[in-house]
Amino acid sequence: MTLRAVTWGLLAATLTLYLVIVLWSLAIIQKDAGGLVPFDMRPMGYSEKEAWAFLAALGPKGLAQYLGPQKLLDLIYPALMGVTLALILWQLLPRRWALGFIAVVVIGAVCDYVENAAVAGLLAAGADRIDEAAVSTASRFSVLKALATTVAMAAALVAACLWLWRKYRGTGA
């Protein structure tokens, strides 16, 4: 099996897992929280007031989903996405650029795991016992995760577009 085939397989697995997370797991959580967006889907972060409102609205079904299936899915997803993006970047960019963007991918994955731990702490504390420092930490890592992931995905997309352009520019395709 070639590296390209492995990369395509990992990309398919990553996209499938992302869709399961967004369309199933986080949808259950959001519905149970009266439509409020879960912490994981707030790339711009959130305030203590917003965190309190979400936790106060979150019912037992949503809490069980967040601490059960969502926690498990979020254990797998950052690593899977990180490996997938790293392989794409490695194959499409010159080594110096690839290594730089792969470092960004690793930072994003680490921030995702720290965010997950911080969110688990908020969920365990509940609306009545969260504090500003805990919310600030979780929010900060949500923003850092989103920023690093966006940079890495943009680099992969630009690299893929350049590869396609170079491949097909003289063929009339």
Protein backbone atom coordinates (compact mmCIF):
# COMPACT_ATOMS: atom_id res chain seq x y z
CA MET A 1 0.00 0.00 0.00
CA THR A 2 1.39 3.37 -1.00
CA LEU A 3 1.65 6.44 1.20
CA ARG A 4 -0.85 8.16 -1.07
CA ALA A 5 -3.41 5.36 -0.54
CA VAL A 6 -2.88 5.49 3.22
CA THR A 7 -3.39 9.25 3.15
CA TRP A 8 -6.65 8.94 1.19
CA GLY A 9 -7.88 6.27 3.62
CA LEU A 10 -7.03 8.42 6.62
CA LEU A 11 -8.68 11.45 5.01
CA ALA A 12 -11.87 9.44 4.48
CA ALA A 13 -11.77 8.21 8.09
CA THR A 14 -11.13 11.73 9.41
CA LEU A 15 -13.99 13.26 7.44
CA THR A 16 -16.33 10.44 8.47
CA LEU A 17 -15.45 10.86 12.14
CA TYR A 18 -15.90 14.64 11.88
CA LEU A 19 -19.37 14.17 10.40
CA VAL A 20 -20.29 11.71 13.18
CA ILE A 21 -19.13 14.23 15.77
CA VAL A 22 -20.91 17.23 14.26
CA LEU A 23 -24.09 15.65 12.88
CA TRP A 24 -24.71 13.13 15.65
CA SER A 25 -22.84 13.67 18.92
CA LEU A 26 -22.63 17.46 19.14
CA ALA A 27 -26.14 17.74 17.66
CA ILE A 28 -27.49 15.73 20.62
CA ILE A 29 -25.61 17.97 23.04
CA GLN A 30 -26.76 21.18 21.34
CA LYS A 31 -30.39 20.05 21.26
CA ASP A 32 -30.27 19.12 24.95
CA ALA A 33 -28.78 22.54 25.74
CA GLY A 34 -31.74 24.33 24.16
CA GLY A 35 -29.85 25.09 20.96
CA LEU A 36 -26.78 26.60 22.62
CA VAL A 37 -23.56 25.73 20.80
CA PRO A 38 -21.27 23.22 22.59
CA PHE A 39 -17.85 24.41 23.72
CA ASP A 40 -16.06 22.39 21.00
CA MET A 41 -17.79 24.36 18.25
CA ARG A 42 -16.90 27.84 19.47
CA PRO A 43 -13.73 28.79 17.56
CA MET A 44 -13.81 32.35 18.90
CA GLY A 45 -13.98 31.14 22.50
CA TYR A 46 -16.54 32.04 25.13
CA SER A 47 -16.97 34.14 28.23
CA GLU A 48 -17.75 32.99 31.76
CA LYS A 49 -21.33 34.15 31.23
CA GLU A 50 -21.65 32.12 28.01
CA ALA A 51 -20.13 29.05 29.66
CA TRP A 52 -22.51 29.39 32.60
CA ALA A 53 -25.51 29.74 30.26
CA PHE A 54 -24.51 26.62 28.32
CA LEU A 55 -23.91 24.55 31.46
CA ALA A 56 -27.15 25.75 33.06
CA ALA A 57 -29.12 24.80 29.94
CA LEU A 58 -27.41 21.44 29.42
CA GLY A 59 -29.65 18.61 30.55
CA PRO A 60 -28.71 15.14 31.78
CA LYS A 61 -28.89 13.59 28.28
CA GLY A 62 -26.52 16.17 26.83
CA LEU A 63 -24.15 15.91 29.79
CA ALA A 64 -24.07 12.11 29.46
CA GLN A 65 -23.38 12.49 25.71
CA TYR A 66 -20.59 15.02 26.33
CA LEU A 67 -18.89 12.93 29.00
CA GLY A 68 -19.48 9.61 27.22
CA PRO A 69 -19.52 9.19 23.44
CA GLN A 70 -18.33 12.73 22.66
CA LYS A 71 -15.37 12.39 25.01
CA LEU A 72 -14.40 9.12 23.33
CA LEU A 73 -14.78 10.55 19.82
CA ASP A 74 -12.73 13.58 20.86
CA LEU A 75 -10.02 11.27 22.12
CA ILE A 76 -9.57 9.84 18.62
CA TYR A 77 -10.27 12.83 16.38
CA PRO A 78 -7.35 15.21 17.14
CA ALA A 79 -4.75 12.51 16.55
CA LEU A 80 -6.48 11.20 13.43
CA MET A 81 -6.82 14.67 11.96
CA GLY A 82 -3.25 15.51 12.93
CA VAL A 83 -1.78 12.45 11.22
CA THR A 84 -3.94 13.03 8.14
CA LEU A 85 -2.96 16.69 7.78
CA ALA A 86 0.70 15.90 8.45
CA LEU A 87 0.74 13.28 5.67
CA ILE A 88 -0.98 15.62 3.22
CA LEU A 89 1.47 18.43 3.99
CA TRP A 90 4.46 16.07 3.83
CA GLN A 91 3.49 14.89 0.36
CA LEU A 92 2.57 18.26 -1.12
CA LEU A 93 5.08 20.74 0.28
CA PRO A 94 8.85 21.13 0.20
CA ARG A 95 10.30 19.55 3.35
CA ARG A 96 11.13 22.84 5.12
CA TRP A 97 7.58 24.14 4.65
CA ALA A 98 6.04 20.77 5.45
CA LEU A 99 7.92 20.53 8.75
CA GLY A 100 6.86 24.04 9.74
CA PHE A 101 3.20 23.38 9.04
CA ILE A 102 3.36 19.94 10.65
CA ALA A 103 4.54 21.71 13.81
CA VAL A 104 1.38 23.84 13.57
CA VAL A 105 -0.67 20.63 13.20
CA VAL A 106 0.91 19.21 16.36
CA ILE A 107 0.22 22.43 18.26
CA GLY A 108 -3.41 22.27 17.14
CA ALA A 109 -3.80 18.65 18.27
CA VAL A 110 -2.18 19.36 21.65
CA CYS A 111 -4.45 22.39 22.12
CA ASP A 112 -7.45 20.21 21.25
CA TYR A 113 -6.52 17.68 23.93
CA VAL A 114 -5.95 20.43 26.52
CA GLU A 115 -9.28 21.98 25.53
CA ASN A 116 -10.98 18.59 25.99
CA ALA A 117 -9.56 18.22 29.49
CA ALA A 118 -10.55 21.78 30.40
CA VAL A 119 -14.09 21.27 29.06
CA ALA A 120 -14.39 18.03 31.03
CA GLY A 121 -13.51 20.07 34.12
CA LEU A 122 -16.23 22.61 33.31
CA LEU A 123 -18.77 19.85 32.77
CA ALA A 124 -17.80 18.16 36.04
CA ALA A 125 -18.06 21.44 37.95
CA GLY A 126 -21.42 22.41 36.49
CA ALA A 127 -22.90 25.88 36.11
CA ASP A 128 -22.91 26.67 39.83
CA ARG A 129 -19.25 25.88 40.46
CA ILE A 130 -17.31 27.06 37.41
CA ASP A 131 -14.82 29.86 37.89
CA GLU A 132 -13.42 32.49 35.58
CA ALA A 133 -9.94 30.93 35.44
CA ALA A 134 -11.25 27.52 34.36
CA VAL A 135 -13.47 29.06 31.68
CA SER A 136 -10.65 31.30 30.48
CA THR A 137 -8.30 28.30 30.12
CA ALA A 138 -10.85 26.22 28.22
CA SER A 139 -11.77 29.15 25.98
CA ARG A 140 -8.14 30.05 25.27
CA PHE A 141 -7.36 26.51 24.13
CA SER A 142 -10.52 26.44 22.00
CA VAL A 143 -9.28 29.54 20.18
CA LEU A 144 -5.71 28.24 19.84
CA LYS A 145 -6.97 24.89 18.53
CA ALA A 146 -9.15 26.63 15.95
CA LEU A 147 -6.37 28.98 14.87
CA ALA A 148 -3.73 26.28 14.46
CA THR A 149 -6.13 23.93 12.70
CA THR A 150 -7.28 26.66 10.33
CA VAL A 151 -3.69 27.57 9.43
CA ALA A 152 -2.77 23.91 8.82
CA MET A 153 -5.90 23.20 6.77
CA ALA A 154 -5.41 26.36 4.72
CA ALA A 155 -1.82 25.34 4.00
CA ALA A 156 -2.97 21.87 2.93
CA LEU A 157 -5.70 23.33 0.71
CA VAL A 158 -3.34 25.82 -0.95
CA ALA A 159 -0.73 23.07 -1.44
CA ALA A 160 -3.36 20.77 -2.98
CA CYS A 161 -4.55 23.53 -5.32
CA LEU A 162 -0.98 24.31 -6.40
CA TRP A 163 -0.31 20.61 -6.98
CA LEU A 164 -3.44 20.32 -9.14
CA TRP A 165 -2.56 23.47 -11.06
CA ARG A 166 0.98 22.23 -11.78
CA LYS A 167 -0.30 18.78 -12.74
CA TYR A 168 -2.97 19.99 -15.18
CA ARG A 169 -1.74 23.38 -16.43
CA GLY A 170 -0.42 22.19 -19.77
CA THR A 171 -2.78 19.33 -20.44
CA GLY A 172 -5.91 21.26 -21.35
CA ALA A 173 -7.83 19.39 -18.67
